[in-house]
């Protein structure tokens, strides 16, 4: 009987001790998962003042930029067909762009390129491939191209072939060349086998066998060696 009481006492002491340890362990585990506030590290970080954030926009600052500003690239207007847009200034915007484009190409000032109708016409035909006897935007030859441009830009009707255009035009010297005059070449075979329209700064537009409608330079060795002469038509269509 005494032995049984001793066993019960020992068991009770063991259970009390275990519960106390379990309580301590549980408390320790609970405290371990409790999140502690973390200090933000701001060492070496600087903040800009006067920053404005507007919903739907990027962050902007009222600070004045001190560095160089990248130049805006020259891009083609959104509409590549025709020369007018929805706004009343559509034609003006297109004209300004064409003047700038061809001023760069012709090494001239924009002010010198005031015949916008001619620039529009050249731009419409630009890159049209060459073919003998052709007279459309599918393909065109040199004399048909000069015939189309002279008619639409200057309201002057000229003969169909390069030789006839040379024969019927008023022969002029290089020193008197001006926009709208014709420049003739002997590229082989016939006395006159190629023709173009003079622009300015020794540049002329023509339908070339190599690259279609394009602008070339009279000082280029190929054209300089083959230059035959220059001619001019009056507004009435006769020399």
Protein backbone atom coordinates (compact mmCIF):
# COMPACT_ATOMS: atom_id res chain seq x y z
CA UNK A 1 0.00 0.00 0.00
CA UNK A 2 2.80 2.37 0.94
CA UNK A 3 4.56 1.44 -2.33
CA UNK A 4 1.45 2.36 -4.34
CA UNK A 5 1.24 5.81 -2.70
CA UNK A 6 4.90 6.44 -3.47
CA UNK A 7 4.29 5.57 -7.14
CA UNK A 8 1.28 7.92 -7.31
CA UNK A 9 3.31 10.74 -5.75
CA UNK A 10 6.18 10.26 -8.16
CA UNK A 11 3.77 10.19 -11.14
CA UNK A 12 2.07 13.40 -9.95
CA UNK A 13 5.42 15.22 -9.60
CA UNK A 14 6.43 14.08 -13.10
CA UNK A 15 3.19 15.28 -14.65
CA UNK A 16 3.38 18.67 -12.96
CA UNK A 17 6.99 19.15 -14.11
CA UNK A 18 6.16 18.15 -17.73
CA UNK A 19 3.20 20.55 -17.94
CA UNK A 20 5.37 23.40 -16.69
CA UNK A 21 8.07 22.62 -19.28
CA UNK A 22 5.44 22.28 -22.00
CA UNK A 23 3.99 25.66 -21.07
CA UNK A 24 7.43 27.23 -21.19
CA UNK A 25 8.19 25.64 -24.55
CA UNK A 26 4.88 26.75 -25.99
CA UNK A 27 5.47 30.29 -24.86
CA UNK A 28 8.92 30.25 -26.41
CA UNK A 29 7.55 28.93 -29.71
CA UNK A 30 4.83 31.60 -29.77
CA UNK A 31 7.26 34.38 -29.12
CA UNK A 32 9.51 33.09 -31.89
CA UNK A 33 6.87 33.55 -34.59
CA UNK A 34 5.92 37.02 -33.41
CA UNK A 35 7.15 39.43 -36.12
CA UNK A 36 9.44 42.18 -35.02
CA UNK A 37 9.42 45.57 -36.71
CA UNK A 38 12.28 45.84 -39.22
CA UNK A 39 14.13 49.07 -39.46
CA UNK A 40 14.39 50.44 -42.99
CA UNK A 41 17.94 50.85 -44.10
CA UNK A 42 18.32 54.26 -45.68
CA UNK A 43 22.04 54.53 -45.59
CA UNK A 44 23.30 56.12 -48.80
CA UNK A 45 19.79 56.73 -50.20
CA UNK A 46 18.80 60.25 -51.21
CA UNK A 47 15.32 61.46 -52.09
CA UNK A 48 14.31 64.10 -54.63
CA UNK A 49 12.03 66.82 -53.45
CA UNK A 50 9.17 68.45 -55.36
CA UNK A 51 8.09 65.23 -57.05
CA UNK A 52 4.56 65.19 -58.46
CA UNK A 53 2.71 61.97 -59.21
CA UNK A 54 -0.47 62.13 -61.26
CA UNK A 55 -2.59 58.98 -61.80
CA UNK A 56 -2.10 57.63 -65.31
CA UNK A 57 1.12 59.57 -65.88
CA UNK A 58 4.78 59.02 -65.26
CA UNK A 59 6.54 60.58 -62.32
CA UNK A 60 7.60 64.11 -63.08
CA UNK A 61 9.74 66.64 -61.32
CA UNK A 62 9.71 70.39 -61.25
CA UNK A 63 13.49 70.50 -61.28
CA UNK A 64 15.02 72.14 -64.33
CA UNK A 65 17.05 69.78 -66.49
CA UNK A 66 20.66 70.82 -66.81
CA UNK A 67 21.91 68.19 -69.24
CA UNK A 68 21.67 68.28 -73.07
CA UNK A 69 18.31 67.40 -74.60
CA UNK A 70 18.30 64.70 -77.29
CA UNK A 71 17.17 66.09 -80.66
CA UNK A 72 13.83 64.93 -81.99
CA UNK A 73 14.12 62.47 -84.85
CA UNK A 74 12.74 63.44 -88.21
CA UNK A 75 9.82 61.19 -88.93
CA UNK A 76 7.37 60.82 -91.73
CA UNK A 77 3.84 62.13 -91.10
CA UNK A 78 1.34 59.49 -90.02
CA UNK A 79 -0.52 59.61 -93.32
CA UNK A 80 1.61 58.46 -96.24
CA UNK A 81 -1.16 58.66 -98.82
CA UNK A 82 -2.12 62.05 -100.20
CA UNK A 83 -1.08 65.40 -98.82
CA UNK A 84 -4.02 66.43 -96.67
CA UNK A 85 -5.03 65.44 -93.18
CA UNK A 86 -8.13 65.92 -91.07
CA UNK A 87 -7.04 69.29 -89.74
CA UNK A 88 -7.07 72.56 -91.65
CA UNK A 89 -3.28 72.69 -91.46
CA UNK A 90 -2.74 69.21 -92.91
CA UNK A 91 -1.44 70.41 -96.27
CA UNK A 92 0.86 72.91 -94.58
CA UNK A 93 2.33 70.26 -92.30
CA UNK A 94 2.92 67.91 -95.22
CA UNK A 95 4.44 70.69 -97.31
CA UNK A 96 6.79 71.69 -94.51
CA UNK A 97 7.95 68.10 -94.14
CA UNK A 98 8.56 67.72 -97.88
CA UNK A 99 10.53 70.95 -97.99
CA UNK A 100 12.73 69.78 -95.14
CA UNK A 101 13.17 66.32 -96.65
CA UNK A 102 14.26 67.59 -100.06
CA UNK A 103 16.28 70.46 -98.63
CA UNK A 104 18.48 67.84 -96.96
CA UNK A 105 18.60 65.75 -100.13
CA UNK A 106 19.43 68.70 -102.37
CA UNK A 107 21.78 70.40 -99.90
CA UNK A 108 19.64 73.54 -100.01
CA UNK A 109 17.77 75.81 -97.62
CA UNK A 110 14.07 75.21 -97.09
CA UNK A 111 13.30 78.71 -98.36
CA UNK A 112 14.63 77.81 -101.80
CA UNK A 113 12.16 74.95 -102.18
CA UNK A 114 8.97 76.94 -102.62
CA UNK A 115 7.51 74.82 -105.45
CA UNK A 116 5.65 72.40 -103.18
CA UNK A 117 3.58 71.01 -106.07
CA UNK A 118 6.78 69.80 -107.71
CA UNK A 119 7.99 68.23 -104.46
CA UNK A 120 4.68 66.43 -104.00
CA UNK A 121 4.89 65.09 -107.55
CA UNK A 122 8.44 63.84 -107.11
CA UNK A 123 7.55 62.22 -103.81
CA UNK A 124 4.56 60.43 -105.34
CA UNK A 125 6.72 58.96 -108.12
CA UNK A 126 9.80 58.32 -105.98
CA UNK A 127 11.21 54.81 -106.44
CA UNK A 128 8.93 53.89 -109.36
CA UNK A 129 10.93 51.33 -111.30
CA UNK A 130 12.25 51.97 -114.79
CA UNK A 131 11.03 50.16 -117.90
CA UNK A 132 11.41 51.11 -121.54
CA UNK A 133 8.14 52.44 -122.92
CA UNK A 134 6.47 52.55 -119.50
CA UNK A 135 4.35 55.52 -118.50
CA UNK A 136 2.59 54.49 -115.27
CA UNK A 137 3.44 54.07 -111.59
CA UNK A 138 4.00 50.38 -112.25
CA UNK A 139 7.05 51.36 -114.31
CA UNK A 140 8.11 54.36 -116.38
CA UNK A 141 10.94 55.44 -118.67
CA UNK A 142 12.91 58.69 -118.47
CA UNK A 143 11.11 60.72 -121.16
CA UNK A 144 7.64 59.67 -120.00
CA UNK A 145 8.57 60.80 -116.49
CA UNK A 146 9.73 64.24 -117.67
CA UNK A 147 6.58 64.51 -119.77
CA UNK A 148 4.35 63.77 -116.75
CA UNK A 149 6.19 66.16 -114.43
CA UNK A 150 6.31 69.03 -116.93
CA UNK A 151 2.59 68.67 -117.57
CA UNK A 152 1.46 68.36 -113.93
CA UNK A 153 3.94 70.75 -112.28
CA UNK A 154 4.30 73.41 -114.98
CA UNK A 155 1.33 72.85 -117.28
CA UNK A 156 3.71 72.41 -120.20
CA UNK A 157 3.23 69.67 -122.78
CA UNK A 158 6.42 68.30 -124.33
CA UNK A 159 7.16 65.53 -126.88
CA UNK A 160 7.33 61.87 -125.83
CA UNK A 161 10.93 60.82 -126.50
CA UNK A 162 14.19 62.19 -125.09
CA UNK A 163 15.54 63.00 -128.56
CA UNK A 164 12.35 64.91 -129.49
CA UNK A 165 12.43 66.81 -126.21
CA UNK A 166 16.02 67.81 -126.94
CA UNK A 167 15.24 68.84 -130.52
CA UNK A 168 12.15 70.90 -129.60
CA UNK A 169 13.57 72.66 -126.54
CA UNK A 170 15.51 75.91 -126.44
CA UNK A 171 19.16 75.01 -125.95
CA UNK A 172 20.70 76.76 -122.92
CA UNK A 173 24.04 76.76 -121.15
CA UNK A 174 24.82 75.16 -117.81
CA UNK A 175 25.32 78.57 -116.22
CA UNK A 176 21.67 79.50 -116.88
CA UNK A 177 20.09 76.27 -115.60
CA UNK A 178 17.08 76.76 -113.34
CA UNK A 179 14.34 74.60 -111.88
CA UNK A 180 12.22 72.96 -114.56
CA UNK A 181 14.85 72.92 -117.29
CA UNK A 182 15.65 69.59 -118.95
CA UNK A 183 19.10 67.98 -118.89
CA UNK A 184 20.04 65.50 -121.62
CA UNK A 185 22.58 62.68 -121.77
CA UNK A 186 24.08 60.27 -124.26
CA UNK A 187 24.22 56.97 -122.40
CA UNK A 188 24.93 54.94 -125.53
CA UNK A 189 23.71 54.43 -129.06
CA UNK A 190 21.60 57.48 -129.87
CA UNK A 191 22.70 61.10 -129.69
CA UNK A 192 20.28 61.70 -126.81
CA UNK A 193 19.15 58.64 -124.89
CA UNK A 194 18.35 59.96 -121.42
CA UNK A 195 16.66 63.03 -119.91
CA UNK A 196 15.91 64.46 -116.49
CA UNK A 197 14.49 67.61 -114.90
CA UNK A 198 16.87 70.05 -113.24
CA UNK A 199 16.11 71.08 -109.64
CA UNK A 200 18.95 73.11 -108.11
CA UNK A 201 22.52 72.78 -106.82
CA UNK A 202 23.42 70.59 -109.83
CA UNK A 203 20.75 68.05 -108.78
CA UNK A 204 18.19 66.62 -111.21
CA UNK A 205 15.32 64.14 -110.89
CA UNK A 206 14.90 61.38 -113.43
CA UNK A 207 13.82 57.79 -114.01
CA UNK A 208 17.09 55.90 -113.98
CA UNK A 209 17.53 52.39 -115.32
CA UNK A 210 19.42 51.44 -112.16
CA UNK A 211 17.13 52.73 -109.42
CA UNK A 212 13.93 54.08 -110.93
CA UNK A 213 12.76 57.60 -110.10
CA UNK A 214 15.48 59.26 -108.07
CA UNK A 215 17.66 62.38 -107.68
CA UNK A 216 21.21 62.45 -109.05
CA UNK A 217 24.06 64.96 -109.31
CA UNK A 218 25.36 66.41 -112.57
CA UNK A 219 28.85 66.39 -111.07
CA UNK A 220 28.77 62.63 -110.65
CA UNK A 221 31.44 61.24 -112.97
CA UNK A 222 28.96 58.99 -114.80
CA UNK A 223 26.55 61.80 -115.68
CA UNK A 224 29.27 64.42 -116.20
CA UNK A 225 30.96 62.29 -118.86
CA UNK A 226 27.67 61.65 -120.66
CA UNK A 227 26.12 65.11 -120.46
CA UNK A 228 24.79 66.23 -123.84
CA UNK A 229 23.16 69.59 -123.09
CA UNK A 230 20.26 71.40 -121.46
CA UNK A 231 16.97 72.65 -122.85
CA UNK A 232 14.07 74.84 -121.79
CA UNK A 233 10.41 74.90 -122.71
CA UNK A 234 8.24 77.98 -122.40
CA UNK A 235 4.93 77.90 -120.59
CA UNK A 236 3.06 77.74 -123.92
CA UNK A 237 4.64 74.38 -124.65
CA UNK A 238 6.75 75.70 -127.50
CA UNK A 239 10.41 76.82 -127.40
